Amino acid sequence: RLKSDDITQKPAVVMCSIKTERFDLYWAMKQGADAYIG
């Protein structure tokens, strides 16, 4: 939602989660995350 809205897409997003499977990283990047930290 942040990355798809012209008003809220400016901030970089760092996903930081206990979910560390390759799919989690892939899906986070697919949603627009700029970085992923497990």
PDB file of all heavy atoms in Angstrom:
ATOM      1  N   ARG A   1       0.822  -1.218   0.000  1.00  0.00           N
ATOM      2  CA  ARG A   1       0.000   0.000   0.000  1.00  0.00           C
ATOM      3  C   ARG A   1       0.854   1.264   0.000  1.00  0.00           C
ATOM      4  O   ARG A   1       0.527   2.226  -0.695  1.00  0.00           O
ATOM      5  CB  ARG A   1      -0.951   0.001   1.200  1.00  0.00           C
ATOM      6  CG  ARG A   1      -2.071  -0.985   1.046  1.00  0.00           C
ATOM      7  CD  ARG A   1      -3.062  -0.862   2.168  1.00  0.00           C
ATOM      8  NE  ARG A   1      -4.089  -1.882   2.074  1.00  0.00           N
ATOM      9  CZ  ARG A   1      -5.269  -1.766   2.653  1.00  0.00           C
ATOM     10  NH1 ARG A   1      -5.574  -0.707   3.372  1.00  0.00           N
ATOM     11  NH2 ARG A   1      -6.153  -2.734   2.528  1.00  0.00           N
ATOM     12  N   LEU A   2       1.917   1.258   0.775  1.00  0.00           N
ATOM     13  CA  LEU A   2       2.803   2.430   0.801  1.00  0.00           C
ATOM     14  C   LEU A   2       3.394   2.685  -0.574  1.00  0.00           C
ATOM     15  O   LEU A   2       3.385   3.813  -1.067  1.00  0.00           O
ATOM     16  CB  LEU A   2       3.939   2.226   1.805  1.00  0.00           C
ATOM     17  CG  LEU A   2       3.591   2.262   3.283  1.00  0.00           C
ATOM     18  CD1 LEU A   2       4.818   1.936   4.119  1.00  0.00           C
ATOM     19  CD2 LEU A   2       3.007   3.606   3.686  1.00  0.00           C
ATOM     20  N   LYS A   3       3.928   1.642  -1.180  1.00  0.00           N
ATOM     21  CA  LYS A   3       4.642   1.800  -2.449  1.00  0.00           C
ATOM     22  C   LYS A   3       3.728   2.028  -3.648  1.00  0.00           C
ATOM     23  O   LYS A   3       4.185   2.510  -4.684  1.00  0.00           O
ATOM     24  CB  LYS A   3       5.536   0.583  -2.691  1.00  0.00           C
ATOM     25  CG  LYS A   3       6.672   0.473  -1.681  1.00  0.00           C
ATOM     26  CD  LYS A   3       7.603   1.675  -1.752  1.00  0.00           C
ATOM     27  CE  LYS A   3       8.823   1.493  -0.886  1.00  0.00           C
ATOM     28  NZ  LYS A   3       9.834   2.521  -1.117  1.00  0.00           N
ATOM     29  N   SER A   4       2.449   1.720  -3.513  1.00  0.00           N
ATOM     30  CA  SER A   4       1.534   1.905  -4.640  1.00  0.00           C
ATOM     31  C   SER A   4       0.797   3.245  -4.586  1.00  0.00           C
ATOM     32  O   SER A   4       0.047   3.571  -5.499  1.00  0.00           O
ATOM     33  CB  SER A   4       0.525   0.753  -4.703  1.00  0.00           C
ATOM     34  OG  SER A   4      -0.329   0.781  -3.574  1.00  0.00           O
ATOM     35  N   ASP A   5       1.019   4.029  -3.548  1.00  0.00           N
ATOM     36  CA  ASP A   5       0.342   5.315  -3.384  1.00  0.00           C
ATOM     37  C   ASP A   5       1.345   6.439  -3.628  1.00  0.00           C
ATOM     38  O   ASP A   5       2.399   6.494  -2.987  1.00  0.00           O
ATOM     39  CB  ASP A   5      -0.228   5.402  -1.957  1.00  0.00           C
ATOM     40  CG  ASP A   5      -1.070   6.644  -1.726  1.00  0.00           C
ATOM     41  OD1 ASP A   5      -0.791   7.689  -2.347  1.00  0.00           O
ATOM     42  OD2 ASP A   5      -1.995   6.575  -0.903  1.00  0.00           O
ATOM     43  N   ASP A   6       1.029   7.345  -4.544  1.00  0.00           N
ATOM     44  CA  ASP A   6       1.942   8.446  -4.874  1.00  0.00           C
ATOM     45  C   ASP A   6       2.305   9.285  -3.649  1.00  0.00           C
ATOM     46  O   ASP A   6       3.405   9.818  -3.565  1.00  0.00           O
ATOM     47  CB  ASP A   6       1.324   9.361  -5.931  1.00  0.00           C
ATOM     48  CG  ASP A   6       1.244   8.704  -7.292  1.00  0.00           C
ATOM     49  OD1 ASP A   6       1.977   7.714  -7.521  1.00  0.00           O
ATOM     50  OD2 ASP A   6       0.448   9.164  -8.130  1.00  0.00           O
ATOM     51  N   ILE A   7       1.418   9.401  -2.692  1.00  0.00           N
ATOM     52  CA  ILE A   7       1.649  10.234  -1.515  1.00  0.00           C
ATOM     53  C   ILE A   7       2.572   9.550  -0.509  1.00  0.00           C
ATOM     54  O   ILE A   7       3.379  10.206   0.140  1.00  0.00           O
ATOM     55  CB  ILE A   7       0.304  10.601  -0.846  1.00  0.00           C
ATOM     56  CG1 ILE A   7      -0.524  11.447  -1.815  1.00  0.00           C
ATOM     57  CG2 ILE A   7       0.512  11.330   0.470  1.00  0.00           C
ATOM     58  CD1 ILE A   7      -1.958  11.646  -1.403  1.00  0.00           C
ATOM     59  N   THR A   8       2.490   8.223  -0.388  1.00  0.00           N
ATOM     60  CA  THR A   8       3.243   7.521   0.657  1.00  0.00           C
ATOM     61  C   THR A   8       4.402   6.677   0.139  1.00  0.00           C
ATOM     62  O   THR A   8       5.036   5.984   0.922  1.00  0.00           O
ATOM     63  CB  THR A   8       2.298   6.617   1.479  1.00  0.00           C
ATOM     64  OG1 THR A   8       1.716   5.634   0.608  1.00  0.00           O
ATOM     65  CG2 THR A   8       1.224   7.412   2.170  1.00  0.00           C
ATOM     66  N   GLN A   9       4.713   6.728  -1.145  1.00  0.00           N
ATOM     67  CA  GLN A   9       5.751   5.848  -1.680  1.00  0.00           C
ATOM     68  C   GLN A   9       7.167   6.341  -1.454  1.00  0.00           C
ATOM     69  O   GLN A   9       8.127   5.613  -1.657  1.00  0.00           O
ATOM     70  CB  GLN A   9       5.530   5.587  -3.166  1.00  0.00           C
ATOM     71  CG  GLN A   9       5.716   6.793  -4.055  1.00  0.00           C
ATOM     72  CD  GLN A   9       5.493   6.458  -5.497  1.00  0.00           C
ATOM     73  OE1 GLN A   9       6.290   5.759  -6.101  1.00  0.00           O
ATOM     74  NE2 GLN A   9       4.411   6.953  -6.049  1.00  0.00           N
ATOM     75  N   LYS A  10       7.353   7.560  -0.946  1.00  0.00           N
ATOM     76  CA  LYS A  10       8.678   8.132  -0.761  1.00  0.00           C
ATOM     77  C   LYS A  10       9.566   7.381   0.230  1.00  0.00           C
ATOM     78  O   LYS A  10      10.733   7.134  -0.059  1.00  0.00           O
ATOM     79  CB  LYS A  10       8.560   9.594  -0.335  1.00  0.00           C
ATOM     80  CG  LYS A  10       9.901  10.262  -0.098  1.00  0.00           C
ATOM     81  CD  LYS A  10       9.720  11.637   0.513  1.00  0.00           C
ATOM     82  CE  LYS A  10      11.024  12.212   0.972  1.00  0.00           C
ATOM     83  NZ  LYS A  10      11.441  11.807   2.303  1.00  0.00           N
ATOM     84  N   PRO A  11       9.084   7.034   1.424  1.00  0.00           N
ATOM     85  CA  PRO A  11      10.033   6.418   2.371  1.00  0.00           C
ATOM     86  C   PRO A  11      10.546   5.062   1.901  1.00  0.00           C
ATOM     87  O   PRO A  11       9.804   4.263   1.330  1.00  0.00           O
ATOM     88  CB  PRO A  11       9.235   6.259   3.662  1.00  0.00           C
ATOM     89  CG  PRO A  11       7.816   6.488   3.328  1.00  0.00           C
ATOM     90  CD  PRO A  11       7.755   7.160   1.992  1.00  0.00           C
ATOM     91  N   ALA A  12      11.836   4.842   2.163  1.00  0.00           N
ATOM     92  CA  ALA A  12      12.404   3.515   1.927  1.00  0.00           C
ATOM     93  C   ALA A  12      11.794   2.565   2.956  1.00  0.00           C
ATOM     94  O   ALA A  12      11.442   2.979   4.063  1.00  0.00           O
ATOM     95  CB  ALA A  12      13.916   3.561   2.080  1.00  0.00           C
ATOM     96  N   VAL A  13      11.666   1.285   2.589  1.00  0.00           N
ATOM     97  CA  VAL A  13      11.097   0.284   3.496  1.00  0.00           C
ATOM     98  C   VAL A  13      12.120  -0.824   3.721  1.00  0.00           C
ATOM     99  O   VAL A  13      12.599  -1.431   2.765  1.00  0.00           O
ATOM    100  CB  VAL A  13       9.786  -0.306   2.941  1.00  0.00           C
ATOM    101  CG1 VAL A  13       9.287  -1.435   3.832  1.00  0.00           C
ATOM    102  CG2 VAL A  13       8.714   0.774   2.805  1.00  0.00           C
ATOM    103  N   VAL A  14      12.432  -1.056   5.001  1.00  0.00           N
ATOM    104  CA  VAL A  14      13.286  -2.169   5.395  1.00  0.00           C
ATOM    105  C   VAL A  14      12.405  -3.177   6.108  1.00  0.00           C
ATOM    106  O   VAL A  14      11.885  -2.891   7.185  1.00  0.00           O
ATOM    107  CB  VAL A  14      14.421  -1.725   6.349  1.00  0.00           C
ATOM    108  CG1 VAL A  14      15.244  -2.933   6.790  1.00  0.00           C
ATOM    109  CG2 VAL A  14      15.300  -0.670   5.705  1.00  0.00           C
ATOM    110  N   MET A  15      12.183  -4.320   5.491  1.00  0.00           N
ATOM    111  CA  MET A  15      11.433  -5.384   6.148  1.00  0.00           C
ATOM    112  C   MET A  15      12.378  -6.057   7.134  1.00  0.00           C
ATOM    113  O   MET A  15      13.518  -6.364   6.790  1.00  0.00           O
ATOM    114  CB  MET A  15      10.927  -6.407   5.128  1.00  0.00           C
ATOM    115  CG  MET A  15      10.024  -5.845   4.050  1.00  0.00           C
ATOM    116  SD  MET A  15       8.453  -5.245   4.630  1.00  0.00           S
ATOM    117  CE  MET A  15       7.520  -6.743   4.645  1.00  0.00           C
ATOM    118  N   CYS A  16      11.900  -6.269   8.350  1.00  0.00           N
ATOM    119  CA  CYS A  16      12.722  -6.850   9.411  1.00  0.00           C
ATOM    120  C   CYS A  16      11.856  -7.888  10.123  1.00  0.00           C
ATOM    121  O   CYS A  16      10.952  -7.533  10.878  1.00  0.00           O
ATOM    122  CB  CYS A  16      13.166  -5.742  10.359  1.00  0.00           C
ATOM    123  SG  CYS A  16      14.306  -6.283  11.626  1.00  0.00           S
ATOM    124  N   SER A  17      12.122  -9.173   9.840  1.00  0.00           N
ATOM    125  CA  SER A  17      11.207 -10.204  10.317  1.00  0.00           C
ATOM    126  C   SER A  17      11.913 -11.508  10.648  1.00  0.00           C
ATOM    127  O   SER A  17      12.988 -11.804  10.136  1.00  0.00           O
ATOM    128  CB  SER A  17      10.148 -10.477   9.246  1.00  0.00           C
ATOM    129  OG  SER A  17       9.266 -11.487   9.666  1.00  0.00           O
ATOM    130  N   ILE A  18      11.246 -12.278  11.479  1.00  0.00           N
ATOM    131  CA  ILE A  18      11.702 -13.631  11.815  1.00  0.00           C
ATOM    132  C   ILE A  18      11.465 -14.584  10.640  1.00  0.00           C
ATOM    133  O   ILE A  18      12.050 -15.651  10.567  1.00  0.00           O
ATOM    134  CB  ILE A  18      11.004 -14.132  13.092  1.00  0.00           C
ATOM    135  CG1 ILE A  18      11.761 -15.311  13.669  1.00  0.00           C
ATOM    136  CG2 ILE A  18       9.546 -14.451  12.845  1.00  0.00           C
ATOM    137  CD1 ILE A  18      11.422 -15.614  15.110  1.00  0.00           C
ATOM    138  N   LYS A  19      10.626 -14.179   9.693  1.00  0.00           N
ATOM    139  CA  LYS A  19      10.360 -14.990   8.500  1.00  0.00           C
ATOM    140  C   LYS A  19      11.561 -14.837   7.565  1.00  0.00           C
ATOM    141  O   LYS A  19      11.742 -13.779   6.977  1.00  0.00           O
ATOM    142  CB  LYS A  19       9.071 -14.537   7.827  1.00  0.00           C
ATOM    143  CG  LYS A  19       7.842 -14.782   8.692  1.00  0.00           C
ATOM    144  CD  LYS A  19       6.573 -14.217   8.074  1.00  0.00           C
ATOM    145  CE  LYS A  19       6.161 -14.873   6.805  1.00  0.00           C
ATOM    146  NZ  LYS A  19       5.534 -16.170   6.861  1.00  0.00           N
ATOM    147  N   THR A  20      12.360 -15.890   7.435  1.00  0.00           N
ATOM    148  CA  THR A  20      13.611 -15.769   6.687  1.00  0.00           C
ATOM    149  C   THR A  20      13.761 -16.763   5.540  1.00  0.00           C
ATOM    150  O   THR A  20      14.866 -16.975   5.045  1.00  0.00           O
ATOM    151  CB  THR A  20      14.814 -15.918   7.642  1.00  0.00           C
ATOM    152  OG1 THR A  20      14.715 -17.167   8.314  1.00  0.00           O
ATOM    153  CG2 THR A  20      14.862 -14.782   8.644  1.00  0.00           C
ATOM    154  N   GLU A  21      12.665 -17.343   5.110  1.00  0.00           N
ATOM    155  CA  GLU A  21      12.736 -18.230   3.946  1.00  0.00           C
ATOM    156  C   GLU A  21      12.950 -17.395   2.682  1.00  0.00           C
ATOM    157  O   GLU A  21      12.626 -16.209   2.645  1.00  0.00           O
ATOM    158  CB  GLU A  21      11.439 -19.044   3.820  1.00  0.00           C
ATOM    159  CG  GLU A  21      11.172 -19.976   4.983  1.00  0.00           C
ATOM    160  CD  GLU A  21      12.211 -21.074   5.107  1.00  0.00           C
ATOM    161  OE1 GLU A  21      12.637 -21.613   4.063  1.00  0.00           O
ATOM    162  OE2 GLU A  21      12.615 -21.371   6.244  1.00  0.00           O
ATOM    163  N   ARG A  22      13.476 -18.007   1.645  1.00  0.00           N
ATOM    164  CA  ARG A  22      13.709 -17.287   0.379  1.00  0.00           C
ATOM    165  C   ARG A  22      12.430 -16.675  -0.149  1.00  0.00           C
ATOM    166  O   ARG A  22      12.444 -15.580  -0.707  1.00  0.00           O
ATOM    167  CB  ARG A  22      14.303 -18.233  -0.663  1.00  0.00           C
ATOM    168  CG  ARG A  22      15.706 -18.658  -0.328  1.00  0.00           C
ATOM    169  CD  ARG A  22      16.266 -19.457  -1.428  1.00  0.00           C
ATOM    170  NE  ARG A  22      16.948 -18.495  -2.309  1.00  0.00           N
ATOM    171  CZ  ARG A  22      17.870 -18.834  -3.169  1.00  0.00           C
ATOM    172  NH1 ARG A  22      18.209 -20.075  -3.313  1.00  0.00           N
ATOM    173  NH2 ARG A  22      18.453 -17.927  -3.906  1.00  0.00           N
ATOM    174  N   PHE A  23      11.317 -17.395   0.029  1.00  0.00           N
ATOM    175  CA  PHE A  23      10.043 -16.863  -0.446  1.00  0.00           C
ATOM    176  C   PHE A  23       9.691 -15.565   0.271  1.00  0.00           C
ATOM    177  O   PHE A  23       9.144 -14.648  -0.337  1.00  0.00           O
ATOM    178  CB  PHE A  23       8.915 -17.885  -0.246  1.00  0.00           C
ATOM    179  CG  PHE A  23       7.576 -17.342  -0.631  1.00  0.00           C
ATOM    180  CD1 PHE A  23       7.203 -17.265  -1.965  1.00  0.00           C
ATOM    181  CD2 PHE A  23       6.692 -16.867   0.332  1.00  0.00           C
ATOM    182  CE1 PHE A  23       5.981 -16.732  -2.330  1.00  0.00           C
ATOM    183  CE2 PHE A  23       5.470 -16.338  -0.027  1.00  0.00           C
ATOM    184  CZ  PHE A  23       5.109 -16.260  -1.368  1.00  0.00           C
ATOM    185  N   ASP A  24       9.988 -15.465   1.570  1.00  0.00           N
ATOM    186  CA  ASP A  24       9.678 -14.255   2.332  1.00  0.00           C
ATOM    187  C   ASP A  24      10.444 -13.059   1.766  1.00  0.00           C
ATOM    188  O   ASP A  24       9.878 -11.977   1.578  1.00  0.00           O
ATOM    189  CB  ASP A  24      10.009 -14.445   3.812  1.00  0.00           C
ATOM    190  CG  ASP A  24       9.229 -15.595   4.423  1.00  0.00           C
ATOM    191  OD1 ASP A  24       7.998 -15.641   4.245  1.00  0.00           O
ATOM    192  OD2 ASP A  24       9.854 -16.460   5.060  1.00  0.00           O
ATOM    193  N   LEU A  25      11.720 -13.253   1.496  1.00  0.00           N
ATOM    194  CA  LEU A  25      12.535 -12.198   0.894  1.00  0.00           C
ATOM    195  C   LEU A  25      11.988 -11.829  -0.484  1.00  0.00           C
ATOM    196  O   LEU A  25      11.807 -10.649  -0.801  1.00  0.00           O
ATOM    197  CB  LEU A  25      13.981 -12.663   0.777  1.00  0.00           C
ATOM    198  CG  LEU A  25      14.924 -11.770  -0.008  1.00  0.00           C
ATOM    199  CD1 LEU A  25      15.055 -10.402   0.633  1.00  0.00           C
ATOM    200  CD2 LEU A  25      16.284 -12.424  -0.143  1.00  0.00           C
ATOM    201  N   TYR A  26      11.710 -12.837  -1.291  1.00  0.00           N
ATOM    202  CA  TYR A  26      11.160 -12.598  -2.628  1.00  0.00           C
ATOM    203  C   TYR A  26       9.861 -11.803  -2.552  1.00  0.00           C
ATOM    204  O   TYR A  26       9.677 -10.820  -3.269  1.00  0.00           O
ATOM    205  CB  TYR A  26      10.921 -13.942  -3.344  1.00  0.00           C
ATOM    206  CG  TYR A  26      10.082 -13.806  -4.585  1.00  0.00           C
ATOM    207  CD1 TYR A  26      10.645 -13.367  -5.777  1.00  0.00           C
ATOM    208  CD2 TYR A  26       8.715 -14.097  -4.564  1.00  0.00           C
ATOM    209  CE1 TYR A  26       9.871 -13.220  -6.923  1.00  0.00           C
ATOM    210  CE2 TYR A  26       7.938 -13.956  -5.693  1.00  0.00           C
ATOM    211  CZ  TYR A  26       8.519 -13.514  -6.873  1.00  0.00           C
ATOM    212  OH  TYR A  26       7.748 -13.363  -8.000  1.00  0.00           O
ATOM    213  N   TRP A  27       8.961 -12.223  -1.672  1.00  0.00           N
ATOM    214  CA  TRP A  27       7.645 -11.586  -1.594  1.00  0.00           C
ATOM    215  C   TRP A  27       7.768 -10.150  -1.076  1.00  0.00           C
ATOM    216  O   TRP A  27       7.064  -9.256  -1.538  1.00  0.00           O
ATOM    217  CB  TRP A  27       6.703 -12.412  -0.728  1.00  0.00           C
ATOM    218  CG  TRP A  27       5.279 -12.010  -0.903  1.00  0.00           C
ATOM    219  CD1 TRP A  27       4.460 -11.484   0.049  1.00  0.00           C
ATOM    220  CD2 TRP A  27       4.498 -12.064  -2.097  1.00  0.00           C
ATOM    221  NE1 TRP A  27       3.232 -11.216  -0.476  1.00  0.00           N
ATOM    222  CE2 TRP A  27       3.219 -11.551  -1.799  1.00  0.00           C
ATOM    223  CE3 TRP A  27       4.764 -12.485  -3.399  1.00  0.00           C
ATOM    224  CZ2 TRP A  27       2.210 -11.456  -2.749  1.00  0.00           C
ATOM    225  CZ3 TRP A  27       3.748 -12.390  -4.344  1.00  0.00           C
ATOM    226  CH2 TRP A  27       2.489 -11.894  -4.012  1.00  0.00           C
ATOM    227  N   ALA A  28       8.676  -9.911  -0.136  1.00  0.00           N
ATOM    228  CA  ALA A  28       8.887  -8.554   0.379  1.00  0.00           C
ATOM    229  C   ALA A  28       9.363  -7.630  -0.739  1.00  0.00           C
ATOM    230  O   ALA A  28       8.866  -6.508  -0.889  1.00  0.00           O
ATOM    231  CB  ALA A  28       9.889  -8.574   1.523  1.00  0.00           C
ATOM    232  N   MET A  29      10.315  -8.104  -1.530  1.00  0.00           N
ATOM    233  CA  MET A  29      10.827  -7.292  -2.633  1.00  0.00           C
ATOM    234  C   MET A  29       9.748  -7.075  -3.696  1.00  0.00           C
ATOM    235  O   MET A  29       9.652  -6.001  -4.284  1.00  0.00           O
ATOM    236  CB  MET A  29      12.071  -7.926  -3.246  1.00  0.00           C
ATOM    237  CG  MET A  29      13.242  -7.997  -2.297  1.00  0.00           C
ATOM    238  SD  MET A  29      13.682  -6.358  -1.667  1.00  0.00           S
ATOM    239  CE  MET A  29      14.727  -6.811  -0.319  1.00  0.00           C
ATOM    240  N   LYS A  30       8.935  -8.081  -3.899  1.00  0.00           N
ATOM    241  CA  LYS A  30       7.838  -7.973  -4.871  1.00  0.00           C
ATOM    242  C   LYS A  30       6.833  -6.893  -4.443  1.00  0.00           C
ATOM    243  O   LYS A  30       6.213  -6.253  -5.288  1.00  0.00           O
ATOM    244  CB  LYS A  30       7.147  -9.341  -4.977  1.00  0.00           C
ATOM    245  CG  LYS A  30       6.212  -9.469  -6.112  1.00  0.00           C
ATOM    246  CD  LYS A  30       6.949  -9.912  -7.341  1.00  0.00           C
ATOM    247  CE  LYS A  30       5.955 -10.352  -8.376  1.00  0.00           C
ATOM    248  NZ  LYS A  30       6.367  -9.958  -9.704  1.00  0.00           N
ATOM    249  N   GLN A  31       6.688  -6.690  -3.130  1.00  0.00           N
ATOM    250  CA  GLN A  31       5.762  -5.674  -2.620  1.00  0.00           C
ATOM    251  C   GLN A  31       6.380  -4.274  -2.626  1.00  0.00           C
ATOM    252  O   GLN A  31       5.713  -3.298  -2.334  1.00  0.00           O
ATOM    253  CB  GLN A  31       5.313  -6.018  -1.196  1.00  0.00           C
ATOM    254  CG  GLN A  31       4.665  -7.370  -1.038  1.00  0.00           C
ATOM    255  CD  GLN A  31       3.612  -7.658  -2.085  1.00  0.00           C
ATOM    256  OE1 GLN A  31       2.675  -6.882  -2.261  1.00  0.00           O
ATOM    257  NE2 GLN A  31       3.750  -8.761  -2.799  1.00  0.00           N
ATOM    258  N   GLY A  32       7.692  -4.184  -2.892  1.00  0.00           N
ATOM    259  CA  GLY A  32       8.348  -2.886  -2.995  1.00  0.00           C
ATOM    260  C   GLY A  32       9.366  -2.588  -1.920  1.00  0.00           C
ATOM    261  O   GLY A  32       9.885  -1.469  -1.860  1.00  0.00           O
ATOM    262  N   ALA A  33       9.671  -3.555  -1.050  1.00  0.00           N
ATOM    263  CA  ALA A  33      10.671  -3.319  -0.002  1.00  0.00           C
ATOM    264  C   ALA A  33      12.023  -2.986  -0.615  1.00  0.00           C
ATOM    265  O   ALA A  33      12.387  -3.512  -1.666  1.00  0.00           O
ATOM    266  CB  ALA A  33      10.783  -4.543   0.912  1.00  0.00           C
ATOM    267  N   ASP A  34      12.757  -2.114   0.056  1.00  0.00           N
ATOM    268  CA  ASP A  34      14.077  -1.707  -0.413  1.00  0.00           C
ATOM    269  C   ASP A  34      15.183  -2.580   0.166  1.00  0.00           C
ATOM    270  O   ASP A  34      16.284  -2.645  -0.390  1.00  0.00           O
ATOM    271  CB  ASP A  34      14.323  -0.244  -0.043  1.00  0.00           C
ATOM    272  CG  ASP A  34      13.312   0.668  -0.710  1.00  0.00           C
ATOM    273  OD1 ASP A  34      13.475   0.938  -1.907  1.00  0.00           O
ATOM    274  OD2 ASP A  34      12.339   1.085  -0.052  1.00  0.00           O
ATOM    275  N   ALA A  35      14.906  -3.225   1.302  1.00  0.00           N
ATOM    276  CA  ALA A  35      15.882  -4.111   1.941  1.00  0.00           C
ATOM    277  C   ALA A  35      15.137  -5.091   2.835  1.00  0.00           C
ATOM    278  O   ALA A  35      13.979  -4.863   3.202  1.00  0.00           O
ATOM    279  CB  ALA A  35      16.892  -3.305   2.755  1.00  0.00           C
ATOM    280  N   TYR A  36      15.824  -6.191   3.185  1.00  0.00           N
ATOM    281  CA  TYR A  36      15.222  -7.231   4.030  1.00  0.00           C
ATOM    282  C   TYR A  36      16.273  -7.718   5.018  1.00  0.00           C
ATOM    283  O   TYR A  36      17.367  -8.099   4.616  1.00  0.00           O
ATOM    284  CB  TYR A  36      14.741  -8.399   3.169  1.00  0.00           C
ATOM    285  CG  TYR A  36      13.835  -9.367   3.889  1.00  0.00           C
ATOM    286  CD1 TYR A  36      12.461  -9.285   3.747  1.00  0.00           C
ATOM    287  CD2 TYR A  36      14.359 -10.357   4.716  1.00  0.00           C
ATOM    288  CE1 TYR A  36      11.622 -10.171   4.405  1.00  0.00           C
ATOM    289  CE2 TYR A  36      13.521 -11.236   5.377  1.00  0.00           C
ATOM    290  CZ  TYR A  36      12.157 -11.137   5.209  1.00  0.00           C
ATOM    291  OH  TYR A  36      11.322 -12.003   5.868  1.00  0.00           O
ATOM    292  N   ILE A  37      15.923  -7.673   6.297  1.00  0.00           N
ATOM    293  CA  ILE A  37      16.825  -8.140   7.352  1.00  0.00           C
ATOM    294  C   ILE A  37      16.083  -9.178   8.178  1.00  0.00           C
ATOM    295  O   ILE A  37      14.982  -8.915   8.672  1.00  0.00           O
ATOM    296  CB  ILE A  37      17.283  -6.975   8.246  1.00  0.00           C
ATOM    297  CG1 ILE A  37      18.086  -5.968   7.420  1.00  0.00           C
ATOM    298  CG2 ILE A  37      18.093  -7.494   9.432  1.00  0.00           C
ATOM    299  CD1 ILE A  37      18.478  -4.719   8.171  1.00  0.00           C
ATOM    300  N   GLY A  38      16.685 -10.361   8.309  1.00  0.00           N
ATOM    301  CA  GLY A  38      16.081 -11.420   9.111  1.00  0.00           C
ATOM    302  C   GLY A  38      16.416 -11.265  10.592  1.00  0.00           C
ATOM    303  O   GLY A  38      17.481 -10.771  10.944  1.00  0.00           O
TER     304      GLY A  38
END
